[in-house]
Amino acid sequence: MRSIRVETSSATILLTEAPAPKVRDRQTGEIAKDAVSGEALMRLGVVYIEDGESSLIQVTVPESGVSDGLALGAPVALPGLVARPWESVFNGQQRHGIAFRAAAVTPASFPAMAGA
């Protein structure tokens, strides 16, 4: 399926869940790896706030893209953020959603408040 680039320049993104290894197989504990580079993948949680609306999302980033200095509740940047729709059948049930992936997660600053 096609990836859709997510424009983040007008959004505030706050870290809500620290980066942790993304598990590919829960039974074996196998860590997910990038299909091209073979690099381990990390998963983190953020709240994405734009135009007065917010969404909690999980984002996958390569292990090398996780910057030092990340703090829960602090703003972060997600360069190269893309959304990819997915669907699958699990135990006879159709499931679908949107997977988010970024090239990195880095500390950011709060956007300047209008009129401040």
PDB file of N, CA and C in Angstrom:
ATOM      1  N   MET A   1       0.834  -1.190   0.000  1.00  0.00           N
ATOM      2  CA  MET A   1       0.000   0.000   0.000  1.00  0.00           C
ATOM      3  C   MET A   1       0.875   1.250   0.000  1.00  0.00           C
ATOM      4  N   ARG A   2       0.295   2.318  -0.388  1.00  0.00           N
ATOM      5  CA  ARG A   2       0.989   3.588  -0.509  1.00  0.00           C
ATOM      6  C   ARG A   2       1.169   4.257   0.847  1.00  0.00           C
ATOM      7  N   SER A   3       2.316   4.891   1.035  1.00  0.00           N
ATOM      8  CA  SER A   3       2.567   5.693   2.226  1.00  0.00           C
ATOM      9  C   SER A   3       2.124   7.119   1.958  1.00  0.00           C
ATOM     10  N   ILE A   4       1.584   7.767   3.001  1.00  0.00           N
ATOM     11  CA  ILE A   4       1.113   9.140   2.885  1.00  0.00           C
ATOM     12  C   ILE A   4       1.956  10.003   3.806  1.00  0.00           C
ATOM     13  N   ARG A   5       2.624  10.999   3.247  1.00  0.00           N
ATOM     14  CA  ARG A   5       3.467  11.899   4.041  1.00  0.00           C
ATOM     15  C   ARG A   5       2.584  12.736   4.967  1.00  0.00           C
ATOM     16  N   VAL A   6       2.997  12.862   6.235  1.00  0.00           N
ATOM     17  CA  VAL A   6       2.248  13.639   7.215  1.00  0.00           C
ATOM     18  C   VAL A   6       2.980  14.952   7.457  1.00  0.00           C
ATOM     19  N   GLU A   7       2.301  16.066   7.184  1.00  0.00           N
ATOM     20  CA  GLU A   7       2.869  17.398   7.396  1.00  0.00           C
ATOM     21  C   GLU A   7       2.748  17.741   8.882  1.00  0.00           C
ATOM     22  N   THR A   8       3.871  17.975   9.552  1.00  0.00           N
ATOM     23  CA  THR A   8       3.870  18.196  10.996  1.00  0.00           C
ATOM     24  C   THR A   8       4.241  19.619  11.404  1.00  0.00           C
ATOM     25  N   SER A   9       4.482  20.504  10.447  1.00  0.00           N
ATOM     26  CA  SER A   9       5.013  21.827  10.788  1.00  0.00           C
ATOM     27  C   SER A   9       4.070  22.660  11.651  1.00  0.00           C
ATOM     28  N   SER A  10       2.761  22.449  11.556  1.00  0.00           N
ATOM     29  CA  SER A  10       1.825  23.239  12.353  1.00  0.00           C
ATOM     30  C   SER A  10       1.287  22.465  13.558  1.00  0.00           C
ATOM     31  N   ALA A  11       1.841  21.292  13.825  1.00  0.00           N
ATOM     32  CA  ALA A  11       1.362  20.447  14.924  1.00  0.00           C
ATOM     33  C   ALA A  11       2.293  20.538  16.129  1.00  0.00           C
ATOM     34  N   THR A  12       1.728  20.267  17.289  1.00  0.00           N
ATOM     35  CA  THR A  12       2.514  20.061  18.498  1.00  0.00           C
ATOM     36  C   THR A  12       2.479  18.561  18.768  1.00  0.00           C
ATOM     37  N   ILE A  13       3.645  17.961  18.958  1.00  0.00           N
ATOM     38  CA  ILE A  13       3.736  16.524  19.188  1.00  0.00           C
ATOM     39  C   ILE A  13       4.449  16.315  20.521  1.00  0.00           C
ATOM     40  N   LEU A  14       3.771  15.635  21.456  1.00  0.00           N
ATOM     41  CA  LEU A  14       4.320  15.403  22.789  1.00  0.00           C
ATOM     42  C   LEU A  14       4.561  13.917  22.997  1.00  0.00           C
ATOM     43  N   LEU A  15       5.707  13.587  23.586  1.00  0.00           N
ATOM     44  CA  LEU A  15       6.054  12.197  23.865  1.00  0.00           C
ATOM     45  C   LEU A  15       5.245  11.687  25.056  1.00  0.00           C
ATOM     46  N   THR A  16       4.476  10.620  24.866  1.00  0.00           N
ATOM     47  CA  THR A  16       3.663  10.049  25.945  1.00  0.00           C
ATOM     48  C   THR A  16       4.121   8.670  26.372  1.00  0.00           C
ATOM     49  N   GLU A  17       4.937   8.027  25.539  1.00  0.00           N
ATOM     50  CA  GLU A  17       5.420   6.677  25.827  1.00  0.00           C
ATOM     51  C   GLU A  17       6.852   6.565  25.310  1.00  0.00           C
ATOM     52  N   ALA A  18       7.780   6.262  26.210  1.00  0.00           N
ATOM     53  CA  ALA A  18       9.196   6.194  25.855  1.00  0.00           C
ATOM     54  C   ALA A  18       9.450   5.137  24.774  1.00  0.00           C
ATOM     55  N   PRO A  19      10.446   5.370  23.918  1.00  0.00           N
ATOM     56  CA  PRO A  19      10.784   4.381  22.898  1.00  0.00           C
ATOM     57  C   PRO A  19      11.178   3.046  23.533  1.00  0.00           C
ATOM     58  N   ALA A  20      10.650   1.981  22.945  1.00  0.00           N
ATOM     59  CA  ALA A  20      10.951   0.617  23.394  1.00  0.00           C
ATOM     60  C   ALA A  20      11.031  -0.266  22.157  1.00  0.00           C
ATOM     61  N   PRO A  21      11.762  -1.368  22.231  1.00  0.00           N
ATOM     62  CA  PRO A  21      11.848  -2.242  21.059  1.00  0.00           C
ATOM     63  C   PRO A  21      10.462  -2.695  20.597  1.00  0.00           C
ATOM     64  N   LYS A  22      10.259  -2.684  19.287  1.00  0.00           N
ATOM     65  CA  LYS A  22       8.996  -3.151  18.710  1.00  0.00           C
ATOM     66  C   LYS A  22       9.070  -4.668  18.593  1.00  0.00           C
ATOM     67  N   VAL A  23       8.114  -5.347  19.165  1.00  0.00           N
ATOM     68  CA  VAL A  23       8.099  -6.812  19.174  1.00  0.00           C
ATOM     69  C   VAL A  23       7.355  -7.310  17.940  1.00  0.00           C
ATOM     70  N   ARG A  24       8.017  -8.170  17.193  1.00  0.00           N
ATOM     71  CA  ARG A  24       7.415  -8.743  15.978  1.00  0.00           C
ATOM     72  C   ARG A  24       6.548  -9.938  16.324  1.00  0.00           C
ATOM     73  N   ASP A  25       7.030 -10.784  17.227  1.00  0.00           N
ATOM     74  CA  ASP A  25       6.314 -11.997  17.622  1.00  0.00           C
ATOM     75  C   ASP A  25       6.235 -12.047  19.143  1.00  0.00           C
ATOM     76  N   ARG A  26       5.052 -11.884  19.692  1.00  0.00           N
ATOM     77  CA  ARG A  26       4.885 -11.850  21.147  1.00  0.00           C
ATOM     78  C   ARG A  26       5.188 -13.186  21.803  1.00  0.00           C
ATOM     79  N   GLN A  27       4.984 -14.277  21.092  1.00  0.00           N
ATOM     80  CA  GLN A  27       5.252 -15.595  21.669  1.00  0.00           C
ATOM     81  C   GLN A  27       6.743 -15.851  21.841  1.00  0.00           C
ATOM     82  N   THR A  28       7.542 -15.422  20.862  1.00  0.00           N
ATOM     83  CA  THR A  28       8.983 -15.681  20.933  1.00  0.00           C
ATOM     84  C   THR A  28       9.769 -14.485  21.451  1.00  0.00           C
ATOM     85  N   GLY A  29       9.144 -13.300  21.456  1.00  0.00           N
ATOM     86  CA  GLY A  29       9.849 -12.088  21.876  1.00  0.00           C
ATOM     87  C   GLY A  29      10.741 -11.507  20.793  1.00  0.00           C
ATOM     88  N   GLU A  30      10.610 -12.011  19.564  1.00  0.00           N
ATOM     89  CA  GLU A  30      11.438 -11.534  18.457  1.00  0.00           C
ATOM     90  C   GLU A  30      11.193 -10.047  18.208  1.00  0.00           C
ATOM     91  N   ILE A  31      12.287  -9.284  18.081  1.00  0.00           N
ATOM     92  CA  ILE A  31      12.222  -7.850  17.837  1.00  0.00           C
ATOM     93  C   ILE A  31      12.058  -7.595  16.342  1.00  0.00           C
ATOM     94  N   ALA A  32      11.168  -6.668  15.981  1.00  0.00           N
ATOM     95  CA  ALA A  32      10.945  -6.311  14.576  1.00  0.00           C
ATOM     96  C   ALA A  32      12.178  -5.618  14.006  1.00  0.00           C
ATOM     97  N   LYS A  33      12.454  -5.902  12.746  1.00  0.00           N
ATOM     98  CA  LYS A  33      13.593  -5.303  12.058  1.00  0.00           C
ATOM     99  C   LYS A  33      13.126  -4.689  10.743  1.00  0.00           C
ATOM    100  N   ASP A  34      13.821  -3.629  10.321  1.00  0.00           N
ATOM    101  CA  ASP A  34      13.530  -2.988   9.052  1.00  0.00           C
ATOM    102  C   ASP A  34      13.790  -3.983   7.928  1.00  0.00           C
ATOM    103  N   ALA A  35      12.854  -4.083   6.993  1.00  0.00           N
ATOM    104  CA  ALA A  35      12.968  -5.054   5.912  1.00  0.00           C
ATOM    105  C   ALA A  35      14.149  -4.784   4.989  1.00  0.00           C
ATOM    106  N   VAL A  36      14.552  -3.521   4.846  1.00  0.00           N
ATOM    107  CA  VAL A  36      15.639  -3.176   3.937  1.00  0.00           C
ATOM    108  C   VAL A  36      16.993  -3.203   4.648  1.00  0.00           C
ATOM    109  N   SER A  37      17.107  -2.492   5.776  1.00  0.00           N
ATOM    110  CA  SER A  37      18.396  -2.349   6.444  1.00  0.00           C
ATOM    111  C   SER A  37      18.680  -3.434   7.474  1.00  0.00           C
ATOM    112  N   GLY A  38      17.643  -4.095   7.967  1.00  0.00           N
ATOM    113  CA  GLY A  38      17.832  -5.095   9.021  1.00  0.00           C
ATOM    114  C   GLY A  38      17.996  -4.485  10.407  1.00  0.00           C
ATOM    115  N   GLU A  39      17.876  -3.160  10.502  1.00  0.00           N
ATOM    116  CA  GLU A  39      18.042  -2.473  11.782  1.00  0.00           C
ATOM    117  C   GLU A  39      16.830  -2.716  12.682  1.00  0.00           C
ATOM    118  N   ALA A  40      17.083  -2.843  13.984  1.00  0.00           N
ATOM    119  CA  ALA A  40      16.003  -3.022  14.959  1.00  0.00           C
ATOM    120  C   ALA A  40      15.087  -1.796  14.949  1.00  0.00           C
ATOM    121  N   LEU A  41      13.797  -2.040  15.153  1.00  0.00           N
ATOM    122  CA  LEU A  41      12.815  -0.965  15.172  1.00  0.00           C
ATOM    123  C   LEU A  41      12.348  -0.694  16.593  1.00  0.00           C
ATOM    124  N   MET A  42      12.045   0.575  16.851  1.00  0.00           N
ATOM    125  CA  MET A  42      11.557   1.014  18.157  1.00  0.00           C
ATOM    126  C   MET A  42      10.141   1.562  17.973  1.00  0.00           C
ATOM    127  N   ARG A  43       9.357   1.475  19.046  1.00  0.00           N
ATOM    128  CA  ARG A  43       7.989   1.984  19.019  1.00  0.00           C
ATOM    129  C   ARG A  43       7.818   2.977  20.158  1.00  0.00           C
ATOM    130  N   LEU A  44       7.121   4.077  19.893  1.00  0.00           N
ATOM    131  CA  LEU A  44       6.902   5.086  20.928  1.00  0.00           C
ATOM    132  C   LEU A  44       5.501   5.648  20.770  1.00  0.00           C
ATOM    133  N   GLY A  45       5.007   6.261  21.835  1.00  0.00           N
ATOM    134  CA  GLY A  45       3.686   6.863  21.807  1.00  0.00           C
ATOM    135  C   GLY A  45       3.787   8.370  21.854  1.00  0.00           C
ATOM    136  N   VAL A  46       2.932   9.043  21.092  1.00  0.00           N
ATOM    137  CA  VAL A  46       2.883  10.505  21.097  1.00  0.00           C
ATOM    138  C   VAL A  46       1.428  10.948  21.075  1.00  0.00           C
ATOM    139  N   VAL A  47       1.203  12.183  21.519  1.00  0.00           N
ATOM    140  CA  VAL A  47      -0.069  12.843  21.280  1.00  0.00           C
ATOM    141  C   VAL A  47       0.211  13.892  20.215  1.00  0.00           C
ATOM    142  N   TYR A  48      -0.583  13.857  19.153  1.00  0.00           N
ATOM    143  CA  TYR A  48      -0.437  14.739  17.998  1.00  0.00           C
ATOM    144  C   TYR A  48      -1.552  15.771  18.090  1.00  0.00           C
ATOM    145  N   ILE A  49      -1.182  17.040  18.265  1.00  0.00           N
ATOM    146  CA  ILE A  49      -2.162  18.106  18.470  1.00  0.00           C
ATOM    147  C   ILE A  49      -2.069  19.098  17.311  1.00  0.00           C
ATOM    148  N   GLU A  50      -3.219  19.320  16.659  1.00  0.00           N
ATOM    149  CA  GLU A  50      -3.260  20.273  15.550  1.00  0.00           C
ATOM    150  C   GLU A  50      -4.677  20.814  15.415  1.00  0.00           C
ATOM    151  N   ASP A  51      -4.806  22.114  15.236  1.00  0.00           N
ATOM    152  CA  ASP A  51      -6.099  22.775  15.047  1.00  0.00           C
ATOM    153  C   ASP A  51      -7.091  22.449  16.165  1.00  0.00           C
ATOM    154  N   GLY A  52      -6.602  22.392  17.396  1.00  0.00           N
ATOM    155  CA  GLY A  52      -7.472  22.160  18.542  1.00  0.00           C
ATOM    156  C   GLY A  52      -7.928  20.728  18.728  1.00  0.00           C
ATOM    157  N   GLU A  53      -7.432  19.805  17.932  1.00  0.00           N
ATOM    158  CA  GLU A  53      -7.780  18.386  18.051  1.00  0.00           C
ATOM    159  C   GLU A  53      -6.524  17.590  18.356  1.00  0.00           C
ATOM    160  N   SER A  54      -6.705  16.484  19.100  1.00  0.00           N
ATOM    161  CA  SER A  54      -5.549  15.658  19.444  1.00  0.00           C
ATOM    162  C   SER A  54      -5.839  14.187  19.179  1.00  0.00           C
ATOM    163  N   SER A  55      -4.771  13.447  18.911  1.00  0.00           N
ATOM    164  CA  SER A  55      -4.855  12.006  18.689  1.00  0.00           C
ATOM    165  C   SER A  55      -3.656  11.349  19.347  1.00  0.00           C
ATOM    166  N   LEU A  56      -3.888  10.232  20.007  1.00  0.00           N
ATOM    167  CA  LEU A  56      -2.793   9.411  20.521  1.00  0.00           C
ATOM    168  C   LEU A  56      -2.407   8.440  19.424  1.00  0.00           C
ATOM    169  N   ILE A  57      -1.122   8.411  19.065  1.00  0.00           N
ATOM    170  CA  ILE A  57      -0.672   7.492  18.022  1.00  0.00           C
ATOM    171  C   ILE A  57       0.608   6.788  18.460  1.00  0.00           C
ATOM    172  N   GLN A  58       0.827   5.617  17.900  1.00  0.00           N
ATOM    173  CA  GLN A  58       2.066   4.866  18.065  1.00  0.00           C
ATOM    174  C   GLN A  58       2.879   5.078  16.801  1.00  0.00           C
ATOM    175  N   VAL A  59       4.174   5.328  16.962  1.00  0.00           N
ATOM    176  CA  VAL A  59       5.056   5.592  15.826  1.00  0.00           C
ATOM    177  C   VAL A  59       6.247   4.637  15.906  1.00  0.00           C
ATOM    178  N   THR A  60       6.621   4.096  14.772  1.00  0.00           N
ATOM    179  CA  THR A  60       7.795   3.230  14.678  1.00  0.00           C
ATOM    180  C   THR A  60       8.949   4.033  14.087  1.00  0.00           C
ATOM    181  N   VAL A  61      10.134   3.895  14.696  1.00  0.00           N
ATOM    182  CA  VAL A  61      11.345   4.547  14.190  1.00  0.00           C
ATOM    183  C   VAL A  61      12.489   3.550  14.256  1.00  0.00           C
ATOM    184  N   PRO A  62      13.497   3.686  13.390  1.00  0.00           N
ATOM    185  CA  PRO A  62      14.670   2.820  13.506  1.00  0.00           C
ATOM    186  C   PRO A  62      15.426   3.150  14.799  1.00  0.00           C
ATOM    187  N   GLU A  63      16.077   2.159  15.351  1.00  0.00           N
ATOM    188  CA  GLU A  63      16.800   2.343  16.618  1.00  0.00           C
ATOM    189  C   GLU A  63      17.802   3.493  16.532  1.00  0.00           C
ATOM    190  N   SER A  64      18.481   3.642  15.395  1.00  0.00           N
ATOM    191  CA  SER A  64      19.473   4.712  15.248  1.00  0.00           C
ATOM    192  C   SER A  64      18.823   6.095  15.182  1.00  0.00           C
ATOM    193  N   GLY A  65      17.507   6.166  14.963  1.00  0.00           N
ATOM    194  CA  GLY A  65      16.814   7.436  14.872  1.00  0.00           C
ATOM    195  C   GLY A  65      16.306   7.968  16.202  1.00  0.00           C
ATOM    196  N   VAL A  66      16.525   7.221  17.291  1.00  0.00           N
ATOM    197  CA  VAL A  66      16.081   7.660  18.611  1.00  0.00           C
ATOM    198  C   VAL A  66      17.163   8.541  19.222  1.00  0.00           C
ATOM    199  N   SER A  67      16.852   9.819  19.412  1.00  0.00           N
ATOM    200  CA  SER A  67      17.816  10.783  19.954  1.00  0.00           C
ATOM    201  C   SER A  67      17.893  10.725  21.468  1.00  0.00           C
ATOM    202  N   ASP A  68      19.034  11.136  22.002  1.00  0.00           N
ATOM    203  CA  ASP A  68      19.184  11.316  23.447  1.00  0.00           C
ATOM    204  C   ASP A  68      18.407  12.562  23.855  1.00  0.00           C
ATOM    205  N   GLY A  69      18.065  12.658  25.129  1.00  0.00           N
ATOM    206  CA  GLY A  69      17.430  13.854  25.655  1.00  0.00           C
ATOM    207  C   GLY A  69      15.921  13.873  25.522  1.00  0.00           C
ATOM    208  N   LEU A  70      15.305  12.737  25.199  1.00  0.00           N
ATOM    209  CA  LEU A  70      13.848  12.682  25.119  1.00  0.00           C
ATOM    210  C   LEU A  70      13.273  12.583  26.523  1.00  0.00           C
ATOM    211  N   ALA A  71      12.195  13.318  26.782  1.00  0.00           N
ATOM    212  CA  ALA A  71      11.552  13.293  28.101  1.00  0.00           C
ATOM    213  C   ALA A  71      10.050  13.158  27.920  1.00  0.00           C
ATOM    214  N   LEU A  72       9.435  12.316  28.743  1.00  0.00           N
ATOM    215  CA  LEU A  72       7.986  12.154  28.670  1.00  0.00           C
ATOM    216  C   LEU A  72       7.288  13.490  28.901  1.00  0.00           C
ATOM    217  N   GLY A  73       6.279  13.770  28.097  1.00  0.00           N
ATOM    218  CA  GLY A  73       5.537  15.017  28.190  1.00  0.00           C
ATOM    219  C   GLY A  73       6.156  16.167  27.431  1.00  0.00           C
ATOM    220  N   ALA A  74       7.376  15.998  26.963  1.00  0.00           N
ATOM    221  CA  ALA A  74       8.083  17.062  26.246  1.00  0.00           C
ATOM    222  C   ALA A  74       7.763  16.999  24.752  1.00  0.00           C
ATOM    223  N   PRO A  75       7.875  18.134  24.062  1.00  0.00           N
ATOM    224  CA  PRO A  75       7.646  18.133  22.614  1.00  0.00           C
ATOM    225  C   PRO A  75       8.767  17.398  21.875  1.00  0.00           C
ATOM    226  N   VAL A  76       8.372  16.740  20.796  1.00  0.00           N
ATOM    227  CA  VAL A  76       9.329  16.028  19.949  1.00  0.00           C
ATOM    228  C   VAL A  76       9.031  16.350  18.494  1.00  0.00           C
ATOM    229  N   ALA A  77      10.018  16.111  17.650  1.00  0.00           N
ATOM    230  CA  ALA A  77       9.862  16.213  16.203  1.00  0.00           C
ATOM    231  C   ALA A  77       9.949  14.811  15.621  1.00  0.00           C
ATOM    232  N   LEU A  78       9.182  14.566  14.566  1.00  0.00           N
ATOM    233  CA  LEU A  78       9.176  13.267  13.882  1.00  0.00           C
ATOM    234  C   LEU A  78       9.463  13.487  12.398  1.00  0.00           C
ATOM    235  N   PRO A  79      10.741  13.741  12.061  1.00  0.00           N
ATOM    236  CA  PRO A  79      11.066  13.974  10.650  1.00  0.00           C
ATOM    237  C   PRO A  79      10.723  12.757   9.796  1.00  0.00           C
ATOM    238  N   GLY A  80      10.195  13.039   8.618  1.00  0.00           N
ATOM    239  CA  GLY A  80       9.873  11.958   7.684  1.00  0.00           C
ATOM    240  C   GLY A  80       8.662  11.139   8.088  1.00  0.00           C
ATOM    241  N   LEU A  81       7.751  11.711   8.875  1.00  0.00           N
ATOM    242  CA  LEU A  81       6.580  10.948   9.338  1.00  0.00           C
ATOM    243  C   LEU A  81       5.668  10.600   8.161  1.00  0.00           C
ATOM    244  N   VAL A  82       5.325   9.328   8.053  1.00  0.00           N
ATOM    245  CA  VAL A  82       4.394   8.851   7.032  1.00  0.00           C
ATOM    246  C   VAL A  82       3.337   7.971   7.689  1.00  0.00           C
ATOM    247  N   ALA A  83       2.179   7.918   7.055  1.00  0.00           N
ATOM    248  CA  ALA A  83       1.079   7.058   7.489  1.00  0.00           C
ATOM    249  C   ALA A  83       0.849   6.024   6.391  1.00  0.00           C
ATOM    250  N   ARG A  84       0.615   4.793   6.819  1.00  0.00           N
ATOM    251  CA  ARG A  84       0.368   3.719   5.849  1.00  0.00           C
ATOM    252  C   ARG A  84      -0.856   2.929   6.297  1.00  0.00           C
ATOM    253  N   PRO A  85      -1.941   2.943   5.494  1.00  0.00           N
ATOM    254  CA  PRO A  85      -3.102   2.130   5.849  1.00  0.00           C
ATOM    255  C   PRO A  85      -2.754   0.648   5.757  1.00  0.00           C
ATOM    256  N   TRP A  86      -3.372  -0.171   6.631  1.00  0.00           N
ATOM    257  CA  TRP A  86      -3.140  -1.615   6.611  1.00  0.00           C
ATOM    258  C   TRP A  86      -4.450  -2.337   6.898  1.00  0.00           C
ATOM    259  N   GLU A  87      -4.498  -3.587   6.502  1.00  0.00           N
ATOM    260  CA  GLU A  87      -5.621  -4.440   6.849  1.00  0.00           C
ATOM    261  C   GLU A  87      -5.138  -5.879   6.876  1.00  0.00           C
ATOM    262  N   SER A  88      -5.777  -6.672   7.718  1.00  0.00           N
ATOM    263  CA  SER A  88      -5.422  -8.081   7.827  1.00  0.00           C
ATOM    264  C   SER A  88      -6.607  -8.850   8.406  1.00  0.00           C
ATOM    265  N   VAL A  89      -6.506 -10.161   8.338  1.00  0.00           N
ATOM    266  CA  VAL A  89      -7.507 -11.033   8.944  1.00  0.00           C
ATOM    267  C   VAL A  89      -6.812 -11.767  10.084  1.00  0.00           C
ATOM    268  N   PHE A  90      -7.398 -11.676  11.296  1.00  0.00           N
ATOM    269  CA  PHE A  90      -6.829 -12.324  12.472  1.00  0.00           C
ATOM    270  C   PHE A  90      -7.945 -13.102  13.158  1.00  0.00           C
ATOM    271  N   ASN A  91      -7.762 -14.412  13.306  1.00  0.00           N
ATOM    272  CA  ASN A  91      -8.792 -15.283  13.893  1.00  0.00           C
ATOM    273  C   ASN A  91     -10.144 -15.096  13.208  1.00  0.00           C
ATOM    274  N   GLY A  92     -10.119 -14.977  11.891  1.00  0.00           N
ATOM    275  CA  GLY A  92     -11.343 -14.837  11.123  1.00  0.00           C
ATOM    276  C   GLY A  92     -11.975 -13.456  11.154  1.00  0.00           C
ATOM    277  N   GLN A  93     -11.342 -12.513  11.832  1.00  0.00           N
ATOM    278  CA  GLN A  93     -11.878 -11.163  11.936  1.00  0.00           C
ATOM    279  C   GLN A  93     -11.055 -10.206  11.068  1.00  0.00           C
ATOM    280  N   GLN A  94     -11.759  -9.401  10.279  1.00  0.00           N
ATOM    281  CA  GLN A  94     -11.091  -8.383   9.465  1.00  0.00           C
ATOM    282  C   GLN A  94     -10.655  -7.237  10.374  1.00  0.00           C
ATOM    283  N   ARG A  95      -9.393  -6.844  10.294  1.00  0.00           N
ATOM    284  CA  ARG A  95      -8.868  -5.724  11.079  1.00  0.00           C
ATOM    285  C   ARG A  95      -8.227  -4.733  10.122  1.00  0.00           C
ATOM    286  N   HIS A  96      -8.235  -3.454  10.514  1.00  0.00           N
ATOM    287  CA  HIS A  96      -7.602  -2.440   9.683  1.00  0.00           C
ATOM    288  C   HIS A  96      -7.193  -1.269  10.566  1.00  0.00           C
ATOM    289  N   GLY A  97      -6.288  -0.450  10.043  1.00  0.00           N
ATOM    290  CA  GLY A  97      -5.825   0.703  10.798  1.00  0.00           C
ATOM    291  C   GLY A  97      -4.827   1.501   9.992  1.00  0.00           C
ATOM    292  N   ILE A  98      -4.112   2.367  10.698  1.00  0.00           N
ATOM    293  CA  ILE A  98      -3.079   3.190  10.078  1.00  0.00           C
ATOM    294  C   ILE A  98      -1.803   3.017  10.887  1.00  0.00           C
ATOM    295  N   ALA A  99      -0.716   2.668  10.229  1.00  0.00           N
ATOM    296  CA  ALA A  99       0.592   2.545  10.873  1.00  0.00           C
ATOM    297  C   ALA A  99       1.387   3.812  10.580  1.00  0.00           C
ATOM    298  N   PHE A 100       2.054   4.330  11.602  1.00  0.00           N
ATOM    299  CA  PHE A 100       2.865   5.540  11.457  1.00  0.00           C
ATOM    300  C   PHE A 100       4.334   5.184  11.601  1.00  0.00           C
ATOM    301  N   ARG A 101       5.152   5.777  10.740  1.00  0.00           N
ATOM    302  CA  ARG A 101       6.597   5.539  10.790  1.00  0.00           C
ATOM    303  C   ARG A 101       7.315   6.851  10.523  1.00  0.00           C
ATOM    304  N   ALA A 102       8.417   7.074  11.249  1.00  0.00           N
ATOM    305  CA  ALA A 102       9.233   8.271  11.063  1.00  0.00           C
ATOM    306  C   ALA A 102      10.690   7.854  10.934  1.00  0.00           C
ATOM    307  N   ALA A 103      11.485   8.731  10.343  1.00  0.00           N
ATOM    308  CA  ALA A 103      12.911   8.471  10.197  1.00  0.00           C
ATOM    309  C   ALA A 103      13.627   8.597  11.535  1.00  0.00           C
ATOM    310  N   ALA A 104      13.077   9.431  12.436  1.00  0.00           N
ATOM    311  CA  ALA A 104      13.722   9.680  13.728  1.00  0.00           C
ATOM    312  C   ALA A 104      12.724  10.300  14.689  1.00  0.00           C
ATOM    313  N   VAL A 105      13.115  10.358  15.957  1.00  0.00           N
ATOM    314  CA  VAL A 105      12.394  11.125  16.972  1.00  0.00           C
ATOM    315  C   VAL A 105      13.444  11.959  17.705  1.00  0.00           C
ATOM    316  N   THR A 106      13.235  13.273  17.715  1.00  0.00           N
ATOM    317  CA  THR A 106      14.213  14.191  18.311  1.00  0.00           C
ATOM    318  C   THR A 106      13.514  15.172  19.240  1.00  0.00           C
ATOM    319  N   PRO A 107      14.233  15.694  20.234  1.00  0.00           N
ATOM    320  CA  PRO A 107      13.630  16.732  21.079  1.00  0.00           C
ATOM    321  C   PRO A 107      13.263  17.950  20.229  1.00  0.00           C
ATOM    322  N   ALA A 108      12.189  18.632  20.622  1.00  0.00           N
ATOM    323  CA  ALA A 108      11.746  19.833  19.904  1.00  0.00           C
ATOM    324  C   ALA A 108      11.371  20.872  20.942  1.00  0.00           C
ATOM    325  N   SER A 109      10.864  21.998  20.490  1.00  0.00           N
ATOM    326  CA  SER A 109      10.397  23.034  21.411  1.00  0.00           C
ATOM    327  C   SER A 109       8.939  23.310  21.107  1.00  0.00           C
ATOM    328  N   PHE A 110       8.251  23.905  22.078  1.00  0.00           N
ATOM    329  CA  PHE A 110       6.860  24.267  21.876  1.00  0.00           C
ATOM    330  C   PHE A 110       6.785  25.360  20.820  1.00  0.00           C
ATOM    331  N   PRO A 111       5.787  25.319  19.950  1.00  0.00           N
ATOM    332  CA  PRO A 111       5.665  26.397  18.969  1.00  0.00           C
ATOM    333  C   PRO A 111       5.348  27.707  19.659  1.00  0.00           C
ATOM    334  N   ALA A 112       5.781  28.808  19.056  1.00  0.00           N
ATOM    335  CA  ALA A 112       5.507  30.131  19.627  1.00  0.00           C
ATOM    336  C   ALA A 112       3.999  30.365  19.625  1.00  0.00           C
ATOM    337  N   MET A 113       3.498  30.893  20.716  1.00  0.00           N
ATOM    338  CA  MET A 113       2.073  31.155  20.848  1.00  0.00           C
ATOM    339  C   MET A 113       1.731  32.426  20.076  1.00  0.00           C
ATOM    340  N   ALA A 114       0.644  32.406  19.335  1.00  0.00           N
ATOM    341  CA  ALA A 114       0.219  33.587  18.573  1.00  0.00           C
ATOM    342  C   ALA A 114      -0.166  34.698  19.543  1.00  0.00           C
ATOM    343  N   GLY A 115       0.339  35.880  19.312  1.00  0.00           N
ATOM    344  CA  GLY A 115       0.009  37.023  20.154  1.00  0.00           C
ATOM    345  C   GLY A 115       0.775  37.079  21.469  1.00  0.00           C
ATOM    346  N   ALA A 116       1.734  36.192  21.648  1.00  0.00           N
ATOM    347  CA  ALA A 116       2.488  36.176  22.915  1.00  0.00           C
ATOM    348  C   ALA A 116       3.598  37.184  22.896  1.00  0.00           C
TER     349      ALA A 116
END
